[in-house]
Amino acid sequence: MIPILGLALGVVLGLVFDPTVPLWLQPYLPIAVVAALDAVFGGARARLDGIFDAKVFVISFVSNVVVAALVVFLGDQLGVGAQLSTAVVVVLGIRIFGNAAAIRRHVFRA
């Protein structure tokens, strides 16, 4: 129940304050969101498998976002930011869909 309340509070605060993302941070935001979604789907899968650990989830969440942002930053510095961004999205997308399939199999027994 607490995560749902936290999500609702975050959405309301975002709508009320209408935050803006600095220009220098905008290329990294979509990658950070995809990395965070990977951690969330991994956590949901672990919960359904009965092996969820909050400490592991938090560390996975933060490290996914930081590593993905660093890879994109490195790509920007090397002049290949778009290619590395695509690579990060593809790799994390594969993991997200793998976790989503495992969740679906667990929930629907199919």
N, C-alpha and C. Protein backbone atom coordinates (compact mmCIF):
# COMPACT_ATOMS: atom_id res chain seq x y z
N MET A 1 0.81 -1.19 0.00
CA MET A 1 0.00 0.00 0.00
C MET A 1 0.86 1.26 0.00
N ILE A 2 1.98 1.22 0.71
CA ILE A 2 2.86 2.39 0.78
C ILE A 2 3.42 2.75 -0.59
N PRO A 3 3.86 1.78 -1.42
CA PRO A 3 4.36 2.16 -2.75
C PRO A 3 3.29 2.83 -3.61
N ILE A 4 2.05 2.36 -3.50
CA ILE A 4 0.97 2.97 -4.29
C ILE A 4 0.72 4.40 -3.84
N LEU A 5 0.72 4.63 -2.53
CA LEU A 5 0.55 5.99 -2.01
C LEU A 5 1.72 6.88 -2.43
N GLY A 6 2.93 6.33 -2.40
CA GLY A 6 4.10 7.10 -2.82
C GLY A 6 4.03 7.47 -4.30
N LEU A 7 3.59 6.53 -5.12
CA LEU A 7 3.43 6.81 -6.55
C LEU A 7 2.38 7.89 -6.78
N ALA A 8 1.25 7.77 -6.10
CA ALA A 8 0.19 8.77 -6.25
C ALA A 8 0.66 10.14 -5.79
N LEU A 9 1.37 10.19 -4.67
CA LEU A 9 1.91 11.46 -4.18
C LEU A 9 2.90 12.05 -5.17
N GLY A 10 3.76 11.22 -5.74
CA GLY A 10 4.73 11.69 -6.73
C GLY A 10 4.07 12.25 -7.97
N VAL A 11 3.02 11.59 -8.45
CA VAL A 11 2.30 12.07 -9.62
C VAL A 11 1.63 13.42 -9.32
N VAL A 12 0.99 13.52 -8.16
CA VAL A 12 0.32 14.78 -7.79
C VAL A 12 1.34 15.90 -7.66
N LEU A 13 2.46 15.65 -6.99
CA LEU A 13 3.49 16.69 -6.85
C LEU A 13 4.06 17.09 -8.19
N GLY A 14 4.25 16.13 -9.09
CA GLY A 14 4.74 16.44 -10.43
C GLY A 14 3.77 17.31 -11.21
N LEU A 15 2.48 17.04 -11.06
CA LEU A 15 1.48 17.85 -11.76
C LEU A 15 1.35 19.25 -11.16
N VAL A 16 1.48 19.35 -9.84
CA VAL A 16 1.33 20.64 -9.17
C VAL A 16 2.55 21.54 -9.44
N PHE A 17 3.75 21.00 -9.27
CA PHE A 17 4.95 21.82 -9.39
C PHE A 17 5.49 21.92 -10.82
N ASP A 18 5.07 21.02 -11.72
CA ASP A 18 5.48 21.03 -13.12
C ASP A 18 6.99 21.26 -13.27
N PRO A 19 7.80 20.32 -12.78
CA PRO A 19 9.25 20.52 -12.83
C PRO A 19 9.78 20.49 -14.27
N THR A 20 10.86 21.21 -14.49
CA THR A 20 11.51 21.20 -15.79
C THR A 20 12.87 20.52 -15.65
N VAL A 21 13.27 19.84 -16.69
CA VAL A 21 14.55 19.14 -16.70
C VAL A 21 15.56 20.04 -17.40
N PRO A 22 16.71 20.28 -16.77
CA PRO A 22 17.74 21.11 -17.43
C PRO A 22 18.15 20.51 -18.77
N LEU A 23 18.53 21.37 -19.71
CA LEU A 23 18.90 20.92 -21.05
C LEU A 23 20.03 19.90 -21.04
N TRP A 24 21.02 20.09 -20.17
CA TRP A 24 22.16 19.18 -20.16
C TRP A 24 21.79 17.79 -19.66
N LEU A 25 20.66 17.69 -18.95
CA LEU A 25 20.23 16.42 -18.39
C LEU A 25 19.23 15.68 -19.27
N GLN A 26 18.64 16.37 -20.24
CA GLN A 26 17.58 15.78 -21.05
C GLN A 26 17.98 14.54 -21.84
N PRO A 27 19.20 14.43 -22.37
CA PRO A 27 19.54 13.20 -23.10
C PRO A 27 19.61 11.97 -22.20
N TYR A 28 19.81 12.17 -20.91
CA TYR A 28 20.00 11.05 -19.99
C TYR A 28 18.69 10.59 -19.34
N LEU A 29 17.68 11.42 -19.33
CA LEU A 29 16.43 11.10 -18.65
C LEU A 29 15.72 9.87 -19.23
N PRO A 30 15.55 9.75 -20.55
CA PRO A 30 14.88 8.54 -21.06
C PRO A 30 15.65 7.26 -20.73
N ILE A 31 16.96 7.33 -20.77
CA ILE A 31 17.77 6.16 -20.45
C ILE A 31 17.61 5.81 -18.98
N ALA A 32 17.59 6.80 -18.12
CA ALA A 32 17.42 6.57 -16.69
C ALA A 32 16.05 5.96 -16.40
N VAL A 33 15.03 6.40 -17.12
CA VAL A 33 13.68 5.85 -16.92
C VAL A 33 13.64 4.38 -17.35
N VAL A 34 14.25 4.06 -18.48
CA VAL A 34 14.27 2.66 -18.93
C VAL A 34 15.05 1.79 -17.95
N ALA A 35 16.17 2.31 -17.44
CA ALA A 35 16.95 1.56 -16.45
C ALA A 35 16.15 1.35 -15.17
N ALA A 36 15.41 2.36 -14.75
CA ALA A 36 14.59 2.24 -13.56
C ALA A 36 13.46 1.22 -13.78
N LEU A 37 12.86 1.23 -14.96
CA LEU A 37 11.82 0.25 -15.27
C LEU A 37 12.37 -1.17 -15.24
N ASP A 38 13.61 -1.34 -15.71
CA ASP A 38 14.23 -2.66 -15.64
C ASP A 38 14.33 -3.13 -14.20
N ALA A 39 14.75 -2.25 -13.31
CA ALA A 39 14.86 -2.62 -11.90
C ALA A 39 13.49 -2.92 -11.30
N VAL A 40 12.48 -2.15 -11.67
CA VAL A 40 11.13 -2.36 -11.13
C VAL A 40 10.57 -3.71 -11.59
N PHE A 41 10.71 -4.02 -12.88
CA PHE A 41 10.23 -5.30 -13.37
C PHE A 41 11.02 -6.46 -12.76
N GLY A 42 12.32 -6.27 -12.57
CA GLY A 42 13.12 -7.29 -11.91
C GLY A 42 12.68 -7.50 -10.47
N GLY A 43 12.36 -6.41 -9.78
CA GLY A 43 11.86 -6.51 -8.41
C GLY A 43 10.51 -7.20 -8.33
N ALA A 44 9.64 -6.89 -9.28
CA ALA A 44 8.32 -7.54 -9.30
C ALA A 44 8.47 -9.04 -9.56
N ARG A 45 9.38 -9.38 -10.47
CA ARG A 45 9.61 -10.81 -10.74
C ARG A 45 10.18 -11.51 -9.50
N ALA A 46 11.13 -10.86 -8.84
CA ALA A 46 11.71 -11.46 -7.64
C ALA A 46 10.66 -11.62 -6.55
N ARG A 47 9.76 -10.68 -6.44
CA ARG A 47 8.68 -10.76 -5.44
C ARG A 47 7.79 -11.97 -5.71
N LEU A 48 7.43 -12.15 -6.98
CA LEU A 48 6.58 -13.28 -7.33
C LEU A 48 7.31 -14.61 -7.17
N ASP A 49 8.62 -14.61 -7.37
CA ASP A 49 9.42 -15.82 -7.19
C ASP A 49 9.74 -16.08 -5.72
N GLY A 50 9.41 -15.13 -4.85
CA GLY A 50 9.65 -15.29 -3.42
C GLY A 50 11.08 -15.04 -2.99
N ILE A 51 11.86 -14.33 -3.80
CA ILE A 51 13.27 -14.07 -3.46
C ILE A 51 13.56 -12.57 -3.38
N PHE A 52 12.53 -11.75 -3.21
CA PHE A 52 12.72 -10.30 -3.17
C PHE A 52 13.48 -9.89 -1.91
N ASP A 53 14.44 -8.99 -2.11
CA ASP A 53 15.19 -8.39 -1.00
C ASP A 53 15.23 -6.88 -1.26
N ALA A 54 14.73 -6.10 -0.32
CA ALA A 54 14.64 -4.66 -0.51
C ALA A 54 16.00 -4.02 -0.74
N LYS A 55 17.03 -4.49 -0.02
CA LYS A 55 18.37 -3.91 -0.19
C LYS A 55 18.89 -4.17 -1.60
N VAL A 56 18.70 -5.37 -2.09
CA VAL A 56 19.13 -5.71 -3.44
C VAL A 56 18.37 -4.86 -4.46
N PHE A 57 17.07 -4.67 -4.23
CA PHE A 57 16.26 -3.86 -5.15
C PHE A 57 16.76 -2.42 -5.22
N VAL A 58 17.00 -1.81 -4.08
CA VAL A 58 17.45 -0.42 -4.07
C VAL A 58 18.82 -0.29 -4.74
N ILE A 59 19.73 -1.20 -4.43
CA ILE A 59 21.05 -1.15 -5.04
C ILE A 59 20.95 -1.38 -6.55
N SER A 60 20.11 -2.31 -6.97
CA SER A 60 19.90 -2.57 -8.39
C SER A 60 19.30 -1.35 -9.09
N PHE A 61 18.32 -0.74 -8.46
CA PHE A 61 17.66 0.44 -9.03
C PHE A 61 18.67 1.56 -9.25
N VAL A 62 19.41 1.90 -8.21
CA VAL A 62 20.36 3.01 -8.30
C VAL A 62 21.49 2.69 -9.27
N SER A 63 22.04 1.48 -9.17
CA SER A 63 23.18 1.14 -10.03
C SER A 63 22.76 1.05 -11.49
N ASN A 64 21.57 0.54 -11.79
CA ASN A 64 21.09 0.52 -13.18
C ASN A 64 21.03 1.92 -13.76
N VAL A 65 20.45 2.84 -13.01
CA VAL A 65 20.31 4.21 -13.50
C VAL A 65 21.68 4.86 -13.68
N VAL A 66 22.57 4.70 -12.71
CA VAL A 66 23.89 5.33 -12.78
C VAL A 66 24.71 4.75 -13.93
N VAL A 67 24.73 3.43 -14.05
CA VAL A 67 25.53 2.80 -15.11
C VAL A 67 24.99 3.17 -16.48
N ALA A 68 23.68 3.14 -16.66
CA ALA A 68 23.10 3.51 -17.96
C ALA A 68 23.43 4.96 -18.30
N ALA A 69 23.32 5.86 -17.34
CA ALA A 69 23.64 7.27 -17.59
C ALA A 69 25.13 7.45 -17.90
N LEU A 70 25.99 6.71 -17.21
CA LEU A 70 27.42 6.81 -17.49
C LEU A 70 27.77 6.28 -18.88
N VAL A 71 27.13 5.22 -19.30
CA VAL A 71 27.38 4.70 -20.65
C VAL A 71 26.98 5.72 -21.69
N VAL A 72 25.83 6.35 -21.51
CA VAL A 72 25.38 7.37 -22.46
C VAL A 72 26.30 8.59 -22.40
N PHE A 73 26.72 8.99 -21.21
CA PHE A 73 27.65 10.11 -21.08
C PHE A 73 28.96 9.81 -21.80
N LEU A 74 29.47 8.60 -21.61
CA LEU A 74 30.70 8.20 -22.29
C LEU A 74 30.51 8.24 -23.80
N GLY A 75 29.36 7.76 -24.26
CA GLY A 75 29.06 7.82 -25.69
C GLY A 75 29.02 9.25 -26.20
N ASP A 76 28.45 10.16 -25.43
CA ASP A 76 28.43 11.57 -25.82
C ASP A 76 29.84 12.12 -25.91
N GLN A 77 30.69 11.76 -24.98
CA GLN A 77 32.07 12.24 -24.99
C GLN A 77 32.84 11.69 -26.19
N LEU A 78 32.52 10.49 -26.60
CA LEU A 78 33.19 9.86 -27.75
C LEU A 78 32.54 10.23 -29.08
N GLY A 79 31.40 10.90 -29.03
CA GLY A 79 30.71 11.30 -30.24
C GLY A 79 29.78 10.22 -30.80
N VAL A 80 29.49 9.22 -30.02
CA VAL A 80 28.60 8.14 -30.47
C VAL A 80 27.46 7.96 -29.47
N GLY A 81 26.99 9.05 -28.91
CA GLY A 81 25.96 8.99 -27.87
C GLY A 81 24.68 8.32 -28.33
N ALA A 82 24.24 8.60 -29.56
CA ALA A 82 22.99 8.02 -30.06
C ALA A 82 23.10 6.51 -30.18
N GLN A 83 24.25 6.03 -30.65
CA GLN A 83 24.43 4.59 -30.82
C GLN A 83 24.46 3.88 -29.47
N LEU A 84 25.17 4.46 -28.50
CA LEU A 84 25.22 3.83 -27.18
C LEU A 84 23.88 3.94 -26.47
N SER A 85 23.15 5.02 -26.69
CA SER A 85 21.81 5.14 -26.11
C SER A 85 20.91 4.04 -26.65
N THR A 86 21.00 3.80 -27.95
CA THR A 86 20.21 2.74 -28.56
C THR A 86 20.61 1.38 -27.99
N ALA A 87 21.90 1.16 -27.83
CA ALA A 87 22.37 -0.12 -27.28
C ALA A 87 21.85 -0.34 -25.87
N VAL A 88 21.88 0.71 -25.05
CA VAL A 88 21.40 0.59 -23.67
C VAL A 88 19.91 0.29 -23.66
N VAL A 89 19.14 0.98 -24.49
CA VAL A 89 17.70 0.75 -24.55
C VAL A 89 17.39 -0.67 -25.02
N VAL A 90 18.14 -1.16 -26.00
CA VAL A 90 17.91 -2.52 -26.51
C VAL A 90 18.20 -3.55 -25.42
N VAL A 91 19.35 -3.42 -24.75
CA VAL A 91 19.72 -4.39 -23.72
C VAL A 91 18.71 -4.36 -22.57
N LEU A 92 18.39 -3.16 -22.09
CA LEU A 92 17.43 -3.08 -20.99
C LEU A 92 16.04 -3.50 -21.43
N GLY A 93 15.69 -3.20 -22.67
CA GLY A 93 14.39 -3.62 -23.20
C GLY A 93 14.26 -5.13 -23.23
N ILE A 94 15.33 -5.82 -23.62
CA ILE A 94 15.32 -7.28 -23.61
C ILE A 94 15.10 -7.80 -22.20
N ARG A 95 15.80 -7.19 -21.23
CA ARG A 95 15.63 -7.61 -19.83
C ARG A 95 14.22 -7.33 -19.33
N ILE A 96 13.66 -6.17 -19.69
CA ILE A 96 12.31 -5.81 -19.26
C ILE A 96 11.30 -6.82 -19.81
N PHE A 97 11.41 -7.14 -21.11
CA PHE A 97 10.47 -8.08 -21.70
C PHE A 97 10.66 -9.49 -21.15
N GLY A 98 11.89 -9.87 -20.83
CA GLY A 98 12.12 -11.16 -20.19
C GLY A 98 11.46 -11.24 -18.83
N ASN A 99 11.62 -10.18 -18.05
CA ASN A 99 10.99 -10.14 -16.73
C ASN A 99 9.46 -10.09 -16.85
N ALA A 100 8.96 -9.32 -17.83
CA ALA A 100 7.51 -9.25 -18.04
C ALA A 100 6.95 -10.61 -18.43
N ALA A 101 7.69 -11.36 -19.24
CA ALA A 101 7.23 -12.70 -19.62
C ALA A 101 7.21 -13.62 -18.41
N ALA A 102 8.23 -13.53 -17.56
CA ALA A 102 8.26 -14.35 -16.35
C ALA A 102 7.11 -13.99 -15.41
N ILE A 103 6.81 -12.71 -15.29
CA ILE A 103 5.69 -12.27 -14.46
C ILE A 103 4.38 -12.79 -15.03
N ARG A 104 4.22 -12.69 -16.34
CA ARG A 104 3.01 -13.19 -17.00
C ARG A 104 2.86 -14.69 -16.77
N ARG A 105 3.93 -15.45 -16.92
CA ARG A 105 3.86 -16.90 -16.69
C ARG A 105 3.47 -17.21 -15.25
N HIS A 106 4.00 -16.42 -14.33
CA HIS A 106 3.70 -16.67 -12.93
C HIS A 106 2.25 -16.31 -12.59
N VAL A 107 1.80 -15.18 -13.09
CA VAL A 107 0.45 -14.70 -12.75
C VAL A 107 -0.62 -15.53 -13.46
N PHE A 108 -0.43 -15.79 -14.76
CA PHE A 108 -1.47 -16.47 -15.53
C PHE A 108 -1.21 -17.96 -15.72
N ARG A 109 -0.11 -18.44 -15.15
CA ARG A 109 0.26 -19.85 -15.28
C ARG A 109 0.32 -20.30 -16.73
N ALA A 110 0.76 -19.37 -17.59
CA ALA A 110 0.84 -19.68 -19.04
C ALA A 110 2.12 -19.16 -19.61
